[in-house]
């Protein structure tokens, strides 16, 4: 136990030891309701700096409260620095070589902390920002491909491709005015402009996707 304490109070582990004490105190406050989980995030939609957001995103750390990221970083870096100090003591290096080795341990521990925080952010992101279940209203404004011989005011099916690449077959209808033109046939492209919740189908109209306007 004494050896662990000595290592924890030795450079560079001491840097992360004090940070770990702060983190532990913070989580005690969270448990008793004295601190918020997102206290370091502020109003993410208003106050967040684009540069800060870009840095977190480039590191794969966005979407998770900073307090959790810092906790993962400090815990991993503290453990790595403890191991590094113990190993270095066993090698009995001194002088310039020993000093450089200590700096190397500091940098390696910090790097490991970032890696652990990034690995932990991936599953945690799904908890704090769950993916919204797809809604039928999401299809409104999208293009679809007719799969029936025609589309009428009371008949028709079309295929639409979601953002994830999956295809879905949906019920579509068009007004009598559009149907009179007979422009929607199998393989035609149509624009979804409204969802009818009572009939559970989508209203579509002919569109020329290459020109970008309704026909």
N, C-alpha and C. Protein backbone atom coordinates (compact mmCIF):
# COMPACT_ATOMS: atom_id res chain seq x y z
N UNK A 1 0.83 -1.20 0.00
CA UNK A 1 0.00 0.00 0.00
C UNK A 1 0.86 1.25 0.00
N UNK A 2 1.96 1.19 0.79
CA UNK A 2 2.87 2.33 0.84
C UNK A 2 3.51 2.60 -0.49
N UNK A 3 3.85 1.52 -1.23
CA UNK A 3 4.44 1.69 -2.55
C UNK A 3 3.49 2.35 -3.52
N UNK A 4 2.20 1.99 -3.44
CA UNK A 4 1.20 2.60 -4.31
C UNK A 4 1.03 4.07 -4.00
N UNK A 5 1.03 4.41 -2.71
CA UNK A 5 0.90 5.81 -2.31
C UNK A 5 2.10 6.62 -2.77
N UNK A 6 3.29 6.04 -2.62
CA UNK A 6 4.50 6.73 -3.08
C UNK A 6 4.44 6.97 -4.58
N UNK A 7 3.99 5.97 -5.31
CA UNK A 7 3.90 6.11 -6.77
C UNK A 7 2.86 7.16 -7.14
N UNK A 8 1.74 7.18 -6.40
CA UNK A 8 0.67 8.14 -6.70
C UNK A 8 1.09 9.57 -6.43
N UNK A 9 2.03 9.75 -5.50
CA UNK A 9 2.48 11.10 -5.14
C UNK A 9 3.78 11.46 -5.84
N UNK A 10 4.22 10.62 -6.75
CA UNK A 10 5.44 10.90 -7.52
C UNK A 10 5.06 11.46 -8.88
N UNK A 11 5.95 12.29 -9.43
CA UNK A 11 5.72 12.82 -10.77
C UNK A 11 5.96 11.70 -11.79
N UNK A 12 5.11 11.55 -12.81
CA UNK A 12 3.99 12.43 -13.18
C UNK A 12 2.64 11.98 -12.64
N UNK A 13 2.60 10.87 -11.88
CA UNK A 13 1.32 10.35 -11.41
C UNK A 13 0.61 11.34 -10.50
N UNK A 14 1.38 12.17 -9.78
CA UNK A 14 0.77 13.12 -8.85
C UNK A 14 -0.14 14.10 -9.57
N UNK A 15 0.16 14.41 -10.82
CA UNK A 15 -0.69 15.32 -11.60
C UNK A 15 -2.09 14.74 -11.73
N UNK A 16 -2.16 13.47 -12.06
CA UNK A 16 -3.45 12.82 -12.24
C UNK A 16 -4.07 12.40 -10.91
N UNK A 17 -3.24 12.24 -9.87
CA UNK A 17 -3.77 11.89 -8.55
C UNK A 17 -4.66 13.00 -8.01
N UNK A 18 -4.17 14.24 -8.10
CA UNK A 18 -4.98 15.36 -7.62
C UNK A 18 -6.22 15.55 -8.50
N UNK A 19 -6.07 15.33 -9.80
CA UNK A 19 -7.23 15.41 -10.69
C UNK A 19 -8.25 14.33 -10.35
N UNK A 20 -7.76 13.14 -9.98
CA UNK A 20 -8.65 12.05 -9.62
C UNK A 20 -9.41 12.37 -8.33
N UNK A 21 -8.75 13.02 -7.39
CA UNK A 21 -9.43 13.41 -6.15
C UNK A 21 -10.56 14.39 -6.44
N UNK A 22 -10.31 15.32 -7.36
CA UNK A 22 -11.35 16.28 -7.75
C UNK A 22 -12.52 15.55 -8.42
N UNK A 23 -12.19 14.59 -9.28
CA UNK A 23 -13.23 13.82 -9.97
C UNK A 23 -14.07 13.02 -8.96
N UNK A 24 -13.40 12.39 -8.00
CA UNK A 24 -14.13 11.62 -6.98
C UNK A 24 -15.04 12.52 -6.16
N UNK A 25 -14.55 13.71 -5.79
CA UNK A 25 -15.37 14.65 -5.04
C UNK A 25 -16.59 15.09 -5.86
N UNK A 26 -16.37 15.28 -7.15
CA UNK A 26 -17.48 15.68 -8.03
C UNK A 26 -18.55 14.60 -8.06
N UNK A 27 -18.15 13.33 -8.21
CA UNK A 27 -19.14 12.26 -8.31
C UNK A 27 -19.87 12.05 -6.99
N UNK A 28 -19.22 12.34 -5.88
CA UNK A 28 -19.92 12.30 -4.59
C UNK A 28 -21.02 13.36 -4.57
N UNK A 29 -20.70 14.56 -5.09
CA UNK A 29 -21.70 15.63 -5.16
C UNK A 29 -22.85 15.24 -6.09
N UNK A 30 -22.52 14.57 -7.18
CA UNK A 30 -23.57 14.13 -8.10
C UNK A 30 -24.51 13.15 -7.41
N UNK A 31 -23.95 12.22 -6.65
CA UNK A 31 -24.76 11.21 -5.97
C UNK A 31 -25.70 11.82 -4.93
N UNK A 32 -25.25 12.90 -4.28
CA UNK A 32 -26.09 13.53 -3.25
C UNK A 32 -26.93 14.66 -3.83
N UNK A 33 -26.86 14.85 -5.14
CA UNK A 33 -27.66 15.88 -5.78
C UNK A 33 -27.07 17.27 -5.73
N UNK A 34 -25.80 17.37 -5.40
CA UNK A 34 -25.18 18.69 -5.29
C UNK A 34 -24.52 19.18 -6.56
N UNK A 35 -24.49 18.37 -7.60
CA UNK A 35 -23.88 18.77 -8.87
C UNK A 35 -24.62 18.08 -10.00
N UNK A 36 -24.62 18.73 -11.15
CA UNK A 36 -25.30 18.18 -12.33
C UNK A 36 -24.32 17.41 -13.18
N UNK A 37 -24.85 16.43 -13.89
CA UNK A 37 -24.00 15.60 -14.74
C UNK A 37 -23.40 16.39 -15.89
N UNK A 38 -24.13 17.41 -16.35
CA UNK A 38 -23.67 18.19 -17.50
C UNK A 38 -23.24 19.59 -17.10
N UNK A 39 -22.71 19.74 -15.88
CA UNK A 39 -22.38 21.06 -15.37
C UNK A 39 -21.31 21.78 -16.19
N UNK A 40 -20.47 21.05 -16.90
CA UNK A 40 -19.42 21.67 -17.70
C UNK A 40 -19.85 21.92 -19.14
N UNK A 41 -21.03 21.44 -19.50
CA UNK A 41 -21.46 21.59 -20.89
C UNK A 41 -22.19 22.89 -21.14
N UNK A 42 -22.85 23.45 -20.11
CA UNK A 42 -23.60 24.67 -20.29
C UNK A 42 -24.73 24.45 -21.27
N UNK A 43 -25.06 25.52 -22.01
CA UNK A 43 -26.07 25.42 -23.07
C UNK A 43 -25.35 25.05 -24.34
N UNK A 44 -25.29 23.76 -24.63
CA UNK A 44 -24.49 23.27 -25.76
C UNK A 44 -24.93 23.87 -27.07
N UNK A 45 -26.24 24.18 -27.21
CA UNK A 45 -26.73 24.67 -28.48
C UNK A 45 -26.42 26.14 -28.70
N UNK A 46 -26.16 26.89 -27.59
CA UNK A 46 -25.98 28.33 -27.72
C UNK A 46 -24.56 28.76 -27.44
N UNK A 47 -23.99 28.23 -26.33
CA UNK A 47 -22.71 28.73 -25.85
C UNK A 47 -21.51 27.98 -26.39
N UNK A 48 -21.70 26.81 -26.95
CA UNK A 48 -20.56 26.00 -27.38
C UNK A 48 -19.79 26.69 -28.49
N UNK A 49 -18.48 26.73 -28.34
CA UNK A 49 -17.63 27.32 -29.38
C UNK A 49 -17.48 26.34 -30.53
N UNK A 50 -17.59 26.83 -31.76
CA UNK A 50 -17.43 25.94 -32.91
C UNK A 50 -16.07 25.25 -32.91
N UNK A 51 -15.03 25.98 -32.43
CA UNK A 51 -13.70 25.37 -32.39
C UNK A 51 -13.65 24.23 -31.38
N UNK A 52 -14.25 24.47 -30.19
CA UNK A 52 -14.26 23.42 -29.17
C UNK A 52 -15.05 22.21 -29.64
N UNK A 53 -16.20 22.47 -30.26
CA UNK A 53 -17.02 21.38 -30.78
C UNK A 53 -16.27 20.61 -31.85
N UNK A 54 -15.54 21.34 -32.70
CA UNK A 54 -14.78 20.69 -33.76
C UNK A 54 -13.67 19.82 -33.22
N UNK A 55 -13.02 20.27 -32.15
CA UNK A 55 -11.95 19.47 -31.54
C UNK A 55 -12.51 18.17 -30.97
N UNK A 56 -13.61 18.29 -30.22
CA UNK A 56 -14.23 17.09 -29.64
C UNK A 56 -14.68 16.13 -30.72
N UNK A 57 -15.24 16.69 -31.80
CA UNK A 57 -15.72 15.84 -32.89
C UNK A 57 -14.57 15.14 -33.59
N UNK A 58 -13.46 15.87 -33.78
CA UNK A 58 -12.31 15.26 -34.45
C UNK A 58 -11.70 14.15 -33.62
N UNK A 59 -11.85 14.24 -32.30
CA UNK A 59 -11.33 13.20 -31.41
C UNK A 59 -12.36 12.10 -31.16
N UNK A 60 -13.56 12.25 -31.71
CA UNK A 60 -14.60 11.26 -31.50
C UNK A 60 -15.19 11.32 -30.10
N UNK A 61 -15.19 12.52 -29.49
CA UNK A 61 -15.65 12.67 -28.11
C UNK A 61 -16.93 13.47 -27.99
N UNK A 62 -17.56 13.82 -29.10
CA UNK A 62 -18.77 14.63 -29.03
C UNK A 62 -19.96 13.79 -28.59
N UNK A 63 -20.98 14.47 -28.06
CA UNK A 63 -22.22 13.78 -27.71
C UNK A 63 -22.26 13.17 -26.33
N UNK A 64 -21.21 13.37 -25.51
CA UNK A 64 -21.15 12.83 -24.15
C UNK A 64 -20.78 13.97 -23.21
N UNK A 65 -21.41 14.07 -22.03
CA UNK A 65 -21.05 15.13 -21.08
C UNK A 65 -19.55 15.17 -20.80
N UNK A 66 -19.02 16.39 -20.73
CA UNK A 66 -17.58 16.56 -20.51
C UNK A 66 -17.13 15.95 -19.18
N UNK A 67 -18.00 15.98 -18.19
CA UNK A 67 -17.62 15.43 -16.89
C UNK A 67 -17.33 13.93 -16.98
N UNK A 68 -18.09 13.23 -17.79
CA UNK A 68 -17.85 11.80 -17.97
C UNK A 68 -16.58 11.57 -18.77
N UNK A 69 -16.37 12.36 -19.81
CA UNK A 69 -15.15 12.23 -20.60
C UNK A 69 -13.91 12.50 -19.75
N UNK A 70 -13.97 13.55 -18.94
CA UNK A 70 -12.84 13.88 -18.07
C UNK A 70 -12.60 12.78 -17.04
N UNK A 71 -13.68 12.20 -16.54
CA UNK A 71 -13.54 11.11 -15.56
C UNK A 71 -12.83 9.91 -16.18
N UNK A 72 -13.24 9.54 -17.39
CA UNK A 72 -12.59 8.43 -18.07
C UNK A 72 -11.13 8.75 -18.37
N UNK A 73 -10.89 9.97 -18.83
CA UNK A 73 -9.53 10.39 -19.16
C UNK A 73 -8.62 10.33 -17.93
N UNK A 74 -9.07 10.95 -16.84
CA UNK A 74 -8.25 11.03 -15.63
C UNK A 74 -8.00 9.65 -15.04
N UNK A 75 -9.04 8.82 -14.98
CA UNK A 75 -8.88 7.49 -14.39
C UNK A 75 -7.88 6.65 -15.18
N UNK A 76 -8.01 6.67 -16.51
CA UNK A 76 -7.09 5.89 -17.35
C UNK A 76 -5.67 6.44 -17.27
N UNK A 77 -5.54 7.76 -17.33
CA UNK A 77 -4.22 8.38 -17.28
C UNK A 77 -3.56 8.15 -15.92
N UNK A 78 -4.35 8.23 -14.85
CA UNK A 78 -3.80 7.99 -13.51
C UNK A 78 -3.27 6.57 -13.39
N UNK A 79 -4.05 5.60 -13.83
CA UNK A 79 -3.62 4.20 -13.76
C UNK A 79 -2.36 3.98 -14.59
N UNK A 80 -2.33 4.53 -15.80
CA UNK A 80 -1.16 4.35 -16.67
C UNK A 80 0.08 5.00 -16.07
N UNK A 81 -0.09 6.16 -15.47
CA UNK A 81 1.06 6.84 -14.88
C UNK A 81 1.59 6.09 -13.66
N UNK A 82 0.68 5.50 -12.87
CA UNK A 82 1.10 4.70 -11.72
C UNK A 82 1.94 3.52 -12.19
N UNK A 83 1.45 2.81 -13.21
CA UNK A 83 2.20 1.68 -13.76
C UNK A 83 3.54 2.14 -14.29
N UNK A 84 3.55 3.27 -14.99
CA UNK A 84 4.79 3.79 -15.54
C UNK A 84 5.81 4.13 -14.48
N UNK A 85 5.35 4.76 -13.39
CA UNK A 85 6.26 5.13 -12.30
C UNK A 85 6.84 3.88 -11.63
N UNK A 86 6.00 2.89 -11.40
CA UNK A 86 6.47 1.65 -10.77
C UNK A 86 7.51 0.96 -11.64
N UNK A 87 7.24 0.88 -12.94
CA UNK A 87 8.19 0.25 -13.86
C UNK A 87 9.48 1.03 -13.91
N UNK A 88 9.37 2.35 -13.96
CA UNK A 88 10.58 3.19 -14.03
C UNK A 88 11.42 3.06 -12.77
N UNK A 89 10.76 2.97 -11.62
CA UNK A 89 11.51 2.79 -10.37
C UNK A 89 12.28 1.48 -10.37
N UNK A 90 11.69 0.45 -10.96
CA UNK A 90 12.37 -0.84 -11.00
C UNK A 90 13.59 -0.80 -11.91
N UNK A 91 13.59 0.11 -12.89
CA UNK A 91 14.74 0.23 -13.80
C UNK A 91 15.85 1.08 -13.21
N UNK A 92 15.49 1.85 -12.18
CA UNK A 92 16.48 2.68 -11.46
C UNK A 92 17.23 3.61 -12.41
N UNK A 93 16.47 4.31 -13.24
CA UNK A 93 17.08 5.28 -14.15
C UNK A 93 17.16 6.63 -13.45
N UNK A 94 18.19 7.37 -13.74
CA UNK A 94 18.35 8.68 -13.14
C UNK A 94 18.87 9.69 -14.13
N UNK A 95 19.10 10.90 -13.66
CA UNK A 95 19.66 11.94 -14.51
C UNK A 95 18.72 12.34 -15.64
N UNK A 96 19.33 12.72 -16.76
CA UNK A 96 18.57 13.19 -17.91
C UNK A 96 17.67 12.09 -18.48
N UNK A 97 18.20 10.87 -18.52
CA UNK A 97 17.42 9.75 -19.05
C UNK A 97 16.17 9.52 -18.21
N UNK A 98 16.34 9.57 -16.89
CA UNK A 98 15.20 9.38 -16.01
C UNK A 98 14.17 10.49 -16.16
N UNK A 99 14.65 11.73 -16.30
CA UNK A 99 13.74 12.86 -16.49
C UNK A 99 12.95 12.75 -17.78
N UNK A 100 13.64 12.38 -18.85
CA UNK A 100 12.95 12.20 -20.13
C UNK A 100 11.95 11.05 -20.06
N UNK A 101 12.31 10.01 -19.32
CA UNK A 101 11.39 8.88 -19.17
C UNK A 101 10.12 9.30 -18.43
N UNK A 102 10.27 10.17 -17.43
CA UNK A 102 9.11 10.66 -16.69
C UNK A 102 8.19 11.49 -17.59
N UNK A 103 8.80 12.32 -18.43
CA UNK A 103 8.00 13.10 -19.38
C UNK A 103 7.30 12.18 -20.38
N UNK A 104 8.01 11.13 -20.78
CA UNK A 104 7.40 10.16 -21.69
C UNK A 104 6.20 9.46 -21.06
N UNK A 105 6.32 9.15 -19.76
CA UNK A 105 5.21 8.52 -19.05
C UNK A 105 4.01 9.47 -19.00
N UNK A 106 4.29 10.76 -18.76
CA UNK A 106 3.22 11.75 -18.70
C UNK A 106 2.47 11.83 -20.03
N UNK A 107 3.22 11.90 -21.12
CA UNK A 107 2.60 11.99 -22.44
C UNK A 107 1.85 10.71 -22.80
N UNK A 108 2.47 9.56 -22.49
CA UNK A 108 1.83 8.28 -22.80
C UNK A 108 0.55 8.10 -21.99
N UNK A 109 0.58 8.50 -20.73
CA UNK A 109 -0.61 8.38 -19.88
C UNK A 109 -1.74 9.28 -20.40
N UNK A 110 -1.37 10.50 -20.81
CA UNK A 110 -2.38 11.41 -21.36
C UNK A 110 -2.98 10.86 -22.65
N UNK A 111 -2.12 10.29 -23.49
CA UNK A 111 -2.60 9.71 -24.75
C UNK A 111 -3.54 8.54 -24.49
N UNK A 112 -3.16 7.68 -23.54
CA UNK A 112 -4.02 6.55 -23.19
C UNK A 112 -5.35 7.04 -22.65
N UNK A 113 -5.31 8.13 -21.87
CA UNK A 113 -6.55 8.70 -21.34
C UNK A 113 -7.50 9.13 -22.44
N UNK A 114 -6.95 9.76 -23.48
CA UNK A 114 -7.77 10.18 -24.63
C UNK A 114 -8.37 8.97 -25.34
N UNK A 115 -7.55 7.94 -25.52
CA UNK A 115 -8.02 6.72 -26.20
C UNK A 115 -9.15 6.06 -25.41
N UNK A 116 -8.99 5.95 -24.10
CA UNK A 116 -10.02 5.33 -23.27
C UNK A 116 -11.30 6.16 -23.29
N UNK A 117 -11.14 7.49 -23.21
CA UNK A 117 -12.32 8.37 -23.26
C UNK A 117 -13.05 8.22 -24.59
N UNK A 118 -12.29 8.08 -25.66
CA UNK A 118 -12.91 7.91 -26.99
C UNK A 118 -13.64 6.58 -27.09
N UNK A 119 -13.01 5.51 -26.58
CA UNK A 119 -13.66 4.20 -26.61
C UNK A 119 -14.93 4.18 -25.76
N UNK A 120 -14.87 4.88 -24.63
CA UNK A 120 -16.04 4.93 -23.76
C UNK A 120 -17.15 5.81 -24.30
N UNK A 121 -16.77 6.81 -25.12
CA UNK A 121 -17.77 7.74 -25.65
C UNK A 121 -18.72 7.07 -26.64
N UNK A 122 -18.21 6.09 -27.38
CA UNK A 122 -19.03 5.45 -28.42
C UNK A 122 -20.32 4.83 -27.87
N UNK A 123 -20.24 3.94 -26.87
CA UNK A 123 -21.49 3.37 -26.33
C UNK A 123 -22.29 4.37 -25.51
N UNK A 124 -21.60 5.29 -24.83
CA UNK A 124 -22.31 6.27 -24.00
C UNK A 124 -23.10 7.26 -24.84
N UNK A 125 -22.60 7.54 -26.04
CA UNK A 125 -23.29 8.49 -26.93
C UNK A 125 -24.70 8.01 -27.25
N UNK A 126 -24.86 6.70 -27.39
CA UNK A 126 -26.19 6.15 -27.69
C UNK A 126 -27.14 6.30 -26.51
N UNK A 127 -26.59 6.41 -25.30
CA UNK A 127 -27.42 6.58 -24.11
C UNK A 127 -27.89 8.03 -23.99
N UNK A 128 -26.96 8.97 -24.18
CA UNK A 128 -27.29 10.38 -24.00
C UNK A 128 -27.95 10.99 -25.24
N UNK A 129 -27.72 10.39 -26.39
CA UNK A 129 -28.33 10.88 -27.62
C UNK A 129 -28.87 9.69 -28.41
N UNK A 130 -29.92 9.07 -27.90
CA UNK A 130 -30.47 7.91 -28.62
C UNK A 130 -31.00 8.31 -29.98
N UNK A 131 -30.84 7.41 -30.94
CA UNK A 131 -31.32 7.67 -32.29
C UNK A 131 -32.84 7.63 -32.31
N UNK A 132 -33.42 8.69 -32.81
CA UNK A 132 -34.87 8.77 -32.84
C UNK A 132 -35.44 7.71 -33.79
N UNK A 133 -36.52 7.10 -33.35
CA UNK A 133 -37.17 6.10 -34.19
C UNK A 133 -37.68 6.76 -35.46
N UNK A 134 -37.50 6.11 -36.59
CA UNK A 134 -37.95 6.72 -37.84
C UNK A 134 -39.45 6.97 -37.82
N UNK A 135 -39.86 8.13 -38.31
CA UNK A 135 -41.26 8.51 -38.37
C UNK A 135 -41.71 8.58 -39.82
N UNK A 136 -42.98 8.29 -40.03
CA UNK A 136 -43.49 8.35 -41.39
C UNK A 136 -43.41 9.76 -41.95
N UNK A 137 -43.50 10.75 -41.07
CA UNK A 137 -43.40 12.13 -41.54
C UNK A 137 -42.01 12.44 -42.09
N UNK A 138 -41.02 11.61 -41.74
CA UNK A 138 -39.67 11.82 -42.26
C UNK A 138 -39.61 11.61 -43.77
N UNK A 139 -40.58 10.87 -44.31
CA UNK A 139 -40.59 10.60 -45.75
C UNK A 139 -41.12 11.77 -46.56
N UNK A 140 -41.85 12.67 -45.90
CA UNK A 140 -42.43 13.81 -46.62
C UNK A 140 -41.31 14.70 -47.16
N UNK A 141 -41.41 15.03 -48.44
CA UNK A 141 -40.38 15.82 -49.10
C UNK A 141 -39.34 14.98 -49.80
N UNK A 142 -39.44 13.65 -49.67
CA UNK A 142 -38.49 12.75 -50.31
C UNK A 142 -39.03 12.23 -51.64
N UNK A 143 -38.13 11.70 -52.44
CA UNK A 143 -38.52 11.09 -53.70
C UNK A 143 -38.71 9.59 -53.52
N UNK A 144 -39.62 9.02 -54.27
CA UNK A 144 -39.86 7.58 -54.24
C UNK A 144 -40.01 7.08 -55.67
N UNK A 145 -39.94 5.77 -55.84
CA UNK A 145 -40.05 5.14 -57.15
C UNK A 145 -41.31 4.27 -57.17
N UNK A 146 -42.18 4.53 -58.11
CA UNK A 146 -43.44 3.79 -58.22
C UNK A 146 -43.16 2.33 -58.56
N UNK A 147 -43.83 1.41 -57.84
CA UNK A 147 -43.64 -0.02 -58.07
C UNK A 147 -44.90 -0.71 -58.58
N UNK A 148 -46.01 0.01 -58.68
CA UNK A 148 -47.22 -0.55 -59.26
C UNK A 148 -47.38 -0.02 -60.68
N UNK A 149 -48.30 -0.63 -61.43
CA UNK A 149 -48.46 -0.23 -62.84
C UNK A 149 -48.89 1.21 -62.98
N UNK A 150 -49.58 1.72 -61.97
CA UNK A 150 -50.01 3.11 -61.97
C UNK A 150 -50.29 3.54 -60.54
N UNK A 151 -50.53 4.82 -60.36
CA UNK A 151 -50.92 5.36 -59.05
C UNK A 151 -52.22 6.12 -59.23
N UNK A 152 -53.21 5.74 -58.46
CA UNK A 152 -54.54 6.36 -58.56
C UNK A 152 -54.92 6.98 -57.22
N UNK A 153 -56.06 7.66 -57.17
CA UNK A 153 -56.51 8.23 -55.89
C UNK A 153 -56.80 7.19 -54.83
N UNK A 154 -56.96 5.92 -55.23
CA UNK A 154 -57.26 4.87 -54.26
C UNK A 154 -56.35 3.65 -54.39
N UNK A 155 -55.24 3.81 -55.10
CA UNK A 155 -54.37 2.65 -55.33
C UNK A 155 -52.95 3.13 -55.65
N UNK A 156 -51.96 2.34 -55.20
CA UNK A 156 -50.58 2.62 -55.58
C UNK A 156 -49.58 2.25 -54.50
N UNK A 157 -48.42 1.81 -54.93
CA UNK A 157 -47.31 1.53 -54.02
C UNK A 157 -46.03 2.08 -54.62
N UNK A 158 -45.11 2.46 -53.74
CA UNK A 158 -43.83 2.99 -54.19
C UNK A 158 -42.74 2.56 -53.23
N UNK A 159 -41.52 2.62 -53.69
CA UNK A 159 -40.36 2.24 -52.88
C UNK A 159 -39.55 3.48 -52.54
N UNK A 160 -39.18 3.59 -51.28
CA UNK A 160 -38.37 4.72 -50.83
C UNK A 160 -37.16 4.19 -50.08
N UNK A 161 -36.04 4.87 -50.24
CA UNK A 161 -34.80 4.46 -49.59
C UNK A 161 -34.51 5.38 -48.42
N UNK A 162 -34.31 4.79 -47.23
CA UNK A 162 -34.02 5.58 -46.03
C UNK A 162 -32.56 6.01 -46.00
N UNK A 163 -32.21 6.85 -45.01
CA UNK A 163 -30.85 7.35 -44.88
C UNK A 163 -29.85 6.22 -44.65
N UNK A 164 -30.31 5.16 -43.97
CA UNK A 164 -29.39 4.05 -43.68
C UNK A 164 -29.24 3.09 -44.85
N UNK A 165 -29.90 3.41 -45.98
CA UNK A 165 -29.77 2.58 -47.16
C UNK A 165 -30.82 1.50 -47.31
N UNK A 166 -31.66 1.34 -46.29
CA UNK A 166 -32.71 0.32 -46.36
C UNK A 166 -33.88 0.84 -47.19
N UNK A 167 -34.52 -0.07 -47.92
CA UNK A 167 -35.65 0.29 -48.78
C UNK A 167 -36.96 -0.14 -48.13
N UNK A 168 -37.99 0.66 -48.32
CA UNK A 168 -39.30 0.35 -47.76
C UNK A 168 -40.36 0.54 -48.83
N UNK A 169 -41.35 -0.33 -48.81
CA UNK A 169 -42.47 -0.24 -49.74
C UNK A 169 -43.61 0.48 -49.03
N UNK A 170 -44.08 1.57 -49.58
CA UNK A 170 -45.10 2.39 -48.93
C UNK A 170 -46.34 2.50 -49.82
N UNK A 171 -47.46 2.77 -49.18
CA UNK A 171 -48.71 3.00 -49.90
C UNK A 171 -48.76 4.46 -50.34
N UNK A 172 -49.03 4.69 -51.61
CA UNK A 172 -49.08 6.05 -52.14
C UNK A 172 -50.37 6.27 -52.92
N UNK A 173 -50.77 7.52 -52.98
CA UNK A 173 -51.94 7.92 -53.74
C UNK A 173 -51.62 9.25 -54.43
N UNK A 174 -52.35 9.54 -55.50
CA UNK A 174 -52.24 10.85 -56.12
C UNK A 174 -53.65 11.38 -56.40
N UNK A 175 -53.76 12.68 -56.53
CA UNK A 175 -55.07 13.29 -56.75
C UNK A 175 -55.60 12.91 -58.13
N UNK A 176 -56.91 13.08 -58.29
CA UNK A 176 -57.53 12.76 -59.58
C UNK A 176 -56.95 13.60 -60.70
N UNK A 177 -56.58 14.85 -60.36
CA UNK A 177 -55.99 15.74 -61.37
C UNK A 177 -54.67 15.19 -61.89
N UNK A 178 -53.81 14.75 -60.96
CA UNK A 178 -52.53 14.18 -61.37
C UNK A 178 -52.72 12.83 -62.05
N UNK A 179 -53.69 12.05 -61.54
CA UNK A 179 -53.92 10.72 -62.11
C UNK A 179 -54.42 10.80 -63.54
N UNK A 180 -55.15 11.88 -63.88
CA UNK A 180 -55.67 12.03 -65.23
C UNK A 180 -54.56 12.15 -66.25
N UNK A 181 -53.42 12.65 -65.82
CA UNK A 181 -52.28 12.78 -66.74
C UNK A 181 -51.62 11.46 -67.03
N UNK A 182 -51.84 10.47 -66.18
CA UNK A 182 -51.27 9.15 -66.39
C UNK A 182 -49.76 9.11 -66.41
N UNK A 183 -49.12 10.03 -65.67
CA UNK A 183 -47.67 10.14 -65.74
C UNK A 183 -46.94 9.20 -64.78
N UNK A 184 -47.63 8.74 -63.76
CA UNK A 184 -46.98 7.86 -62.78
C UNK A 184 -47.23 6.41 -63.14
N UNK A 185 -46.17 5.77 -63.59
CA UNK A 185 -46.23 4.35 -63.93
C UNK A 185 -45.10 3.64 -63.19
N UNK A 186 -45.02 2.34 -63.34
CA UNK A 186 -43.96 1.57 -62.68
C UNK A 186 -42.59 2.09 -63.11
N UNK A 187 -41.76 2.44 -62.13
CA UNK A 187 -40.44 2.98 -62.41
C UNK A 187 -40.38 4.49 -62.42
N UNK A 188 -41.54 5.17 -62.39
CA UNK A 188 -41.56 6.63 -62.38
C UNK A 188 -41.11 7.16 -61.02
N UNK A 189 -40.54 8.36 -61.04
CA UNK A 189 -40.14 9.03 -59.80
C UNK A 189 -41.25 9.97 -59.36
N UNK A 190 -41.59 9.93 -58.08
CA UNK A 190 -42.65 10.78 -57.55
C UNK A 190 -42.16 11.48 -56.29
N UNK A 191 -42.76 12.61 -56.00
CA UNK A 191 -42.43 13.38 -54.80
C UNK A 191 -43.50 13.16 -53.74
N UNK A 192 -43.08 12.80 -52.55
CA UNK A 192 -44.01 12.65 -51.42
C UNK A 192 -44.20 14.02 -50.79
N UNK A 193 -45.44 14.52 -50.78
CA UNK A 193 -45.65 15.86 -50.25
C UNK A 193 -46.59 15.90 -49.03
N UNK A 194 -47.19 14.76 -48.68
CA UNK A 194 -48.08 14.76 -47.52
C UNK A 194 -48.34 13.33 -47.07
N UNK A 195 -48.58 13.18 -45.75
CA UNK A 195 -48.95 11.86 -45.22
C UNK A 195 -50.37 11.92 -44.69
N UNK A 196 -51.19 10.99 -45.08
CA UNK A 196 -52.57 10.89 -44.62
C UNK A 196 -52.62 9.87 -43.49
N UNK A 197 -52.75 10.36 -42.26
CA UNK A 197 -52.73 9.46 -41.10
C UNK A 197 -53.99 8.61 -41.02
N UNK A 198 -55.11 9.11 -41.54
CA UNK A 198 -56.35 8.33 -41.50
C UNK A 198 -56.28 7.13 -42.45
N UNK A 199 -55.83 7.39 -43.66
CA UNK A 199 -55.73 6.31 -44.64
C UNK A 199 -54.41 5.58 -44.60
N UNK A 200 -53.44 6.11 -43.82
CA UNK A 200 -52.10 5.53 -43.69
C UNK A 200 -51.43 5.36 -45.06
N UNK A 201 -51.45 6.43 -45.83
CA UNK A 201 -50.76 6.43 -47.11
C UNK A 201 -50.17 7.81 -47.36
N UNK A 202 -49.33 7.90 -48.37
CA UNK A 202 -48.67 9.16 -48.72
C UNK A 202 -49.25 9.72 -50.01
N UNK A 203 -49.43 11.04 -50.04
CA UNK A 203 -49.81 11.70 -51.27
C UNK A 203 -48.55 12.01 -52.06
N UNK A 204 -48.59 11.68 -53.35
CA UNK A 204 -47.42 11.92 -54.21
C UNK A 204 -47.86 12.66 -55.47
N UNK A 205 -46.89 13.23 -56.14
CA UNK A 205 -47.15 13.89 -57.41
C UNK A 205 -45.97 13.64 -58.34
N UNK A 206 -46.18 13.72 -59.65
CA UNK A 206 -45.08 13.49 -60.59
C UNK A 206 -44.00 14.55 -60.42
N UNK A 207 -42.77 14.17 -60.63
CA UNK A 207 -41.66 15.11 -60.54
C UNK A 207 -40.55 14.63 -61.45
N UNK A 208 -39.85 15.58 -62.02
CA UNK A 208 -38.68 15.26 -62.84
C UNK A 208 -37.45 15.54 -62.00
N UNK A 209 -36.81 14.54 -61.41
CA UNK A 209 -35.68 14.77 -60.50
C UNK A 209 -34.49 15.42 -61.17
N UNK A 210 -34.34 15.25 -62.48
CA UNK A 210 -33.19 15.85 -63.17
C UNK A 210 -33.34 17.35 -63.35
N UNK A 211 -34.59 17.81 -63.39
CA UNK A 211 -34.84 19.24 -63.58
C UNK A 211 -35.16 19.94 -62.27
N UNK A 212 -35.62 19.16 -61.29
CA UNK A 212 -35.86 19.72 -59.97
C UNK A 212 -37.16 20.49 -59.84
N UNK A 213 -38.17 20.20 -60.66
CA UNK A 213 -39.47 20.84 -60.48
C UNK A 213 -40.57 19.84 -60.78
N UNK A 214 -41.77 20.18 -60.34
CA UNK A 214 -42.91 19.30 -60.52
C UNK A 214 -43.37 19.33 -61.97
N UNK A 215 -43.82 18.18 -62.49
CA UNK A 215 -44.34 18.14 -63.85
C UNK A 215 -45.85 18.21 -63.83
